[in-house]
Amino acid sequence: MTASHLLVPVPIPDRVVALIGSCIPPHILQAEFDAACAAREARGYRGPLLCDEDRADREQALSELARANKVLAAHHPRLPVRPDSCW
């Protein structure tokens, strides 16, 4: 039995990535990219002492993440990205 946090990341060859990407609809790939970017941006705004601008930016990033996750969840229920996930 293995734990997911103990697994060593293995690089995937570009041809394999292209093959996987060709099997997924383009709007799902775009939503996955948008969700990952929004989650990364939302992670940057943490802490209780955020100014009003930072809170507004975090809310904007979270709304973009929710929009992308809606598309991903419609395609497959396990695809949505969480703002605190490592992806």
N, C-alpha and C. Protein backbone atom coordinates (compact mmCIF):
# COMPACT_ATOMS: atom_id res chain seq x y z
N MET A 1 0.85 -1.17 0.00
CA MET A 1 0.00 0.00 0.00
C MET A 1 0.90 1.24 0.00
N THR A 2 0.59 2.20 -0.84
CA THR A 2 1.40 3.42 -0.92
C THR A 2 0.56 4.62 -0.55
N ALA A 3 1.21 5.60 0.00
CA ALA A 3 0.55 6.87 0.31
C ALA A 3 0.88 7.85 -0.80
N SER A 4 -0.10 8.64 -1.18
CA SER A 4 0.10 9.55 -2.30
C SER A 4 1.17 10.60 -2.01
N HIS A 5 1.38 10.96 -0.76
CA HIS A 5 2.40 11.97 -0.45
C HIS A 5 3.81 11.38 -0.48
N LEU A 6 3.94 10.05 -0.55
CA LEU A 6 5.25 9.43 -0.60
C LEU A 6 5.69 9.11 -2.03
N LEU A 7 4.81 9.29 -2.98
CA LEU A 7 5.14 8.99 -4.36
C LEU A 7 6.09 10.04 -4.93
N VAL A 8 7.03 9.58 -5.72
CA VAL A 8 7.99 10.47 -6.36
C VAL A 8 7.42 10.89 -7.71
N PRO A 9 7.36 12.20 -7.99
CA PRO A 9 6.83 12.62 -9.29
C PRO A 9 7.75 12.18 -10.43
N VAL A 10 7.16 11.63 -11.44
CA VAL A 10 7.90 11.16 -12.61
C VAL A 10 7.52 12.03 -13.79
N PRO A 11 8.50 12.57 -14.50
CA PRO A 11 8.16 13.41 -15.66
C PRO A 11 7.49 12.58 -16.75
N ILE A 12 6.51 13.19 -17.40
CA ILE A 12 5.78 12.53 -18.47
C ILE A 12 6.34 13.06 -19.79
N PRO A 13 6.69 12.17 -20.71
CA PRO A 13 7.20 12.63 -22.00
C PRO A 13 6.18 13.49 -22.75
N ASP A 14 6.67 14.42 -23.55
CA ASP A 14 5.80 15.35 -24.27
C ASP A 14 4.83 14.63 -25.20
N ARG A 15 5.26 13.55 -25.81
CA ARG A 15 4.37 12.81 -26.71
C ARG A 15 3.20 12.20 -25.97
N VAL A 16 3.44 11.74 -24.75
CA VAL A 16 2.36 11.16 -23.94
C VAL A 16 1.38 12.26 -23.53
N VAL A 17 1.90 13.40 -23.15
CA VAL A 17 1.04 14.53 -22.79
C VAL A 17 0.20 14.95 -23.99
N ALA A 18 0.80 15.00 -25.17
CA ALA A 18 0.06 15.37 -26.38
C ALA A 18 -1.01 14.34 -26.69
N LEU A 19 -0.73 13.07 -26.49
CA LEU A 19 -1.72 12.02 -26.74
C LEU A 19 -2.89 12.13 -25.77
N ILE A 20 -2.60 12.36 -24.50
CA ILE A 20 -3.65 12.53 -23.50
C ILE A 20 -4.47 13.78 -23.82
N GLY A 21 -3.79 14.87 -24.16
CA GLY A 21 -4.48 16.12 -24.49
C GLY A 21 -5.37 16.01 -25.72
N SER A 22 -4.98 15.18 -26.66
CA SER A 22 -5.79 15.03 -27.88
C SER A 22 -7.08 14.28 -27.61
N CYS A 23 -7.16 13.55 -26.51
CA CYS A 23 -8.37 12.79 -26.16
C CYS A 23 -9.36 13.60 -25.33
N ILE A 24 -8.94 14.75 -24.85
CA ILE A 24 -9.79 15.59 -24.00
C ILE A 24 -10.28 16.78 -24.81
N PRO A 25 -11.57 17.11 -24.70
CA PRO A 25 -12.10 18.27 -25.44
C PRO A 25 -11.35 19.56 -25.08
N PRO A 26 -11.17 20.44 -26.07
CA PRO A 26 -10.40 21.68 -25.82
C PRO A 26 -10.97 22.57 -24.72
N HIS A 27 -12.30 22.63 -24.58
CA HIS A 27 -12.85 23.51 -23.54
C HIS A 27 -12.57 22.94 -22.14
N ILE A 28 -12.39 21.64 -22.01
CA ILE A 28 -12.03 21.05 -20.73
C ILE A 28 -10.56 21.34 -20.41
N LEU A 29 -9.70 21.24 -21.41
CA LEU A 29 -8.30 21.59 -21.20
C LEU A 29 -8.14 23.05 -20.79
N GLN A 30 -8.91 23.93 -21.44
CA GLN A 30 -8.84 25.35 -21.09
C GLN A 30 -9.35 25.58 -19.67
N ALA A 31 -10.43 24.91 -19.29
CA ALA A 31 -10.98 25.05 -17.94
C ALA A 31 -9.99 24.53 -16.90
N GLU A 32 -9.29 23.44 -17.22
CA GLU A 32 -8.28 22.91 -16.30
C GLU A 32 -7.14 23.90 -16.11
N PHE A 33 -6.69 24.50 -17.20
CA PHE A 33 -5.63 25.51 -17.12
C PHE A 33 -6.10 26.72 -16.32
N ASP A 34 -7.32 27.20 -16.59
CA ASP A 34 -7.86 28.35 -15.88
C ASP A 34 -8.00 28.06 -14.38
N ALA A 35 -8.45 26.85 -14.05
CA ALA A 35 -8.62 26.49 -12.65
C ALA A 35 -7.28 26.43 -11.93
N ALA A 36 -6.28 25.88 -12.58
CA ALA A 36 -4.96 25.80 -11.95
C ALA A 36 -4.38 27.20 -11.72
N CYS A 37 -4.53 28.08 -12.69
CA CYS A 37 -4.03 29.46 -12.55
C CYS A 37 -4.77 30.20 -11.45
N ALA A 38 -6.09 30.05 -11.41
CA ALA A 38 -6.88 30.74 -10.39
C ALA A 38 -6.56 30.21 -8.99
N ALA A 39 -6.36 28.90 -8.86
CA ALA A 39 -6.01 28.33 -7.55
C ALA A 39 -4.65 28.83 -7.10
N ARG A 40 -3.70 28.91 -8.01
CA ARG A 40 -2.37 29.42 -7.68
C ARG A 40 -2.45 30.88 -7.23
N GLU A 41 -3.27 31.66 -7.92
CA GLU A 41 -3.41 33.06 -7.55
C GLU A 41 -4.12 33.21 -6.20
N ALA A 42 -5.14 32.41 -5.95
CA ALA A 42 -5.87 32.48 -4.68
C ALA A 42 -4.98 32.09 -3.51
N ARG A 43 -4.07 31.14 -3.72
CA ARG A 43 -3.15 30.73 -2.66
C ARG A 43 -2.22 31.86 -2.26
N GLY A 44 -1.95 32.78 -3.18
CA GLY A 44 -1.05 33.88 -2.89
C GLY A 44 -1.63 34.89 -1.91
N TYR A 45 -2.94 34.88 -1.76
CA TYR A 45 -3.61 35.83 -0.86
C TYR A 45 -4.13 35.07 0.35
N ARG A 46 -3.26 34.87 1.31
CA ARG A 46 -3.64 34.18 2.54
C ARG A 46 -3.35 35.07 3.73
N GLY A 47 -4.04 34.79 4.80
CA GLY A 47 -3.78 35.49 6.04
C GLY A 47 -4.92 36.40 6.43
N PRO A 48 -5.01 36.67 7.70
CA PRO A 48 -6.12 37.49 8.21
C PRO A 48 -5.91 38.99 8.00
N LEU A 49 -4.70 39.41 7.69
CA LEU A 49 -4.41 40.84 7.60
C LEU A 49 -4.30 41.33 6.16
N LEU A 50 -5.20 40.89 5.32
CA LEU A 50 -5.19 41.34 3.93
C LEU A 50 -5.88 42.70 3.82
N CYS A 51 -5.35 43.53 2.97
CA CYS A 51 -6.00 44.82 2.74
C CYS A 51 -7.22 44.59 1.84
N ASP A 52 -8.00 45.64 1.64
CA ASP A 52 -9.24 45.52 0.86
C ASP A 52 -8.95 45.10 -0.58
N GLU A 53 -7.89 45.63 -1.16
CA GLU A 53 -7.55 45.25 -2.55
C GLU A 53 -7.18 43.78 -2.65
N ASP A 54 -6.40 43.29 -1.68
CA ASP A 54 -6.01 41.88 -1.70
C ASP A 54 -7.21 40.96 -1.51
N ARG A 55 -8.13 41.35 -0.64
CA ARG A 55 -9.34 40.54 -0.46
C ARG A 55 -10.18 40.52 -1.72
N ALA A 56 -10.25 41.65 -2.41
CA ALA A 56 -10.99 41.70 -3.67
C ALA A 56 -10.33 40.84 -4.74
N ASP A 57 -9.00 40.87 -4.79
CA ASP A 57 -8.27 40.03 -5.74
C ASP A 57 -8.47 38.55 -5.43
N ARG A 58 -8.46 38.20 -4.14
CA ARG A 58 -8.69 36.80 -3.76
C ARG A 58 -10.09 36.37 -4.15
N GLU A 59 -11.08 37.20 -3.91
CA GLU A 59 -12.46 36.86 -4.29
C GLU A 59 -12.59 36.72 -5.80
N GLN A 60 -11.89 37.55 -6.56
CA GLN A 60 -11.91 37.44 -8.02
C GLN A 60 -11.30 36.11 -8.46
N ALA A 61 -10.17 35.74 -7.86
CA ALA A 61 -9.52 34.47 -8.20
C ALA A 61 -10.42 33.29 -7.82
N LEU A 62 -11.08 33.37 -6.67
CA LEU A 62 -11.97 32.29 -6.26
C LEU A 62 -13.18 32.18 -7.18
N SER A 63 -13.68 33.32 -7.68
CA SER A 63 -14.81 33.24 -8.60
C SER A 63 -14.39 32.65 -9.94
N GLU A 64 -13.18 32.97 -10.41
CA GLU A 64 -12.68 32.35 -11.64
C GLU A 64 -12.47 30.85 -11.44
N LEU A 65 -11.99 30.47 -10.26
CA LEU A 65 -11.82 29.06 -9.96
C LEU A 65 -13.17 28.33 -9.95
N ALA A 66 -14.16 28.96 -9.35
CA ALA A 66 -15.49 28.34 -9.31
C ALA A 66 -16.08 28.19 -10.71
N ARG A 67 -15.87 29.18 -11.56
CA ARG A 67 -16.37 29.12 -12.93
C ARG A 67 -15.71 27.97 -13.70
N ALA A 68 -14.40 27.84 -13.56
CA ALA A 68 -13.69 26.76 -14.24
C ALA A 68 -14.06 25.40 -13.66
N ASN A 69 -14.23 25.33 -12.34
CA ASN A 69 -14.61 24.07 -11.71
C ASN A 69 -15.99 23.61 -12.13
N LYS A 70 -16.87 24.54 -12.43
CA LYS A 70 -18.22 24.17 -12.88
C LYS A 70 -18.13 23.41 -14.21
N VAL A 71 -17.27 23.88 -15.10
CA VAL A 71 -17.07 23.20 -16.38
C VAL A 71 -16.42 21.84 -16.16
N LEU A 72 -15.41 21.80 -15.29
CA LEU A 72 -14.71 20.53 -15.03
C LEU A 72 -15.62 19.50 -14.37
N ALA A 73 -16.43 19.92 -13.42
CA ALA A 73 -17.32 19.00 -12.72
C ALA A 73 -18.41 18.47 -13.65
N ALA A 74 -18.82 19.26 -14.62
CA ALA A 74 -19.81 18.77 -15.58
C ALA A 74 -19.21 17.67 -16.45
N HIS A 75 -17.91 17.72 -16.69
CA HIS A 75 -17.25 16.70 -17.50
C HIS A 75 -16.97 15.44 -16.68
N HIS A 76 -16.43 15.63 -15.47
CA HIS A 76 -16.15 14.49 -14.57
C HIS A 76 -16.12 15.01 -13.14
N PRO A 77 -16.79 14.35 -12.21
CA PRO A 77 -16.90 14.86 -10.83
C PRO A 77 -15.58 14.96 -10.06
N ARG A 78 -14.53 14.27 -10.50
CA ARG A 78 -13.27 14.32 -9.76
C ARG A 78 -12.27 15.32 -10.34
N LEU A 79 -12.65 16.08 -11.34
CA LEU A 79 -11.73 17.02 -11.96
C LEU A 79 -11.60 18.38 -11.27
N PRO A 80 -12.59 18.87 -10.53
CA PRO A 80 -12.45 20.21 -9.95
C PRO A 80 -11.19 20.37 -9.10
N VAL A 81 -10.66 21.59 -9.13
CA VAL A 81 -9.42 21.94 -8.43
C VAL A 81 -9.76 22.73 -7.19
N ARG A 82 -9.11 22.39 -6.08
CA ARG A 82 -9.31 23.13 -4.84
C ARG A 82 -8.25 24.22 -4.73
N PRO A 83 -8.57 25.34 -4.08
CA PRO A 83 -7.57 26.41 -3.97
C PRO A 83 -6.37 26.02 -3.12
N ASP A 84 -6.50 25.03 -2.24
CA ASP A 84 -5.38 24.63 -1.40
C ASP A 84 -4.72 23.35 -1.87
N SER A 85 -5.07 22.87 -3.05
CA SER A 85 -4.47 21.63 -3.54
C SER A 85 -3.07 21.90 -4.09
N CYS A 86 -2.30 20.83 -4.19
CA CYS A 86 -0.91 21.00 -4.66
C CYS A 86 -0.83 21.13 -6.17
N TRP A 87 -1.90 20.91 -6.91
CA TRP A 87 -1.90 21.03 -8.37
C TRP A 87 -2.08 22.44 -8.72
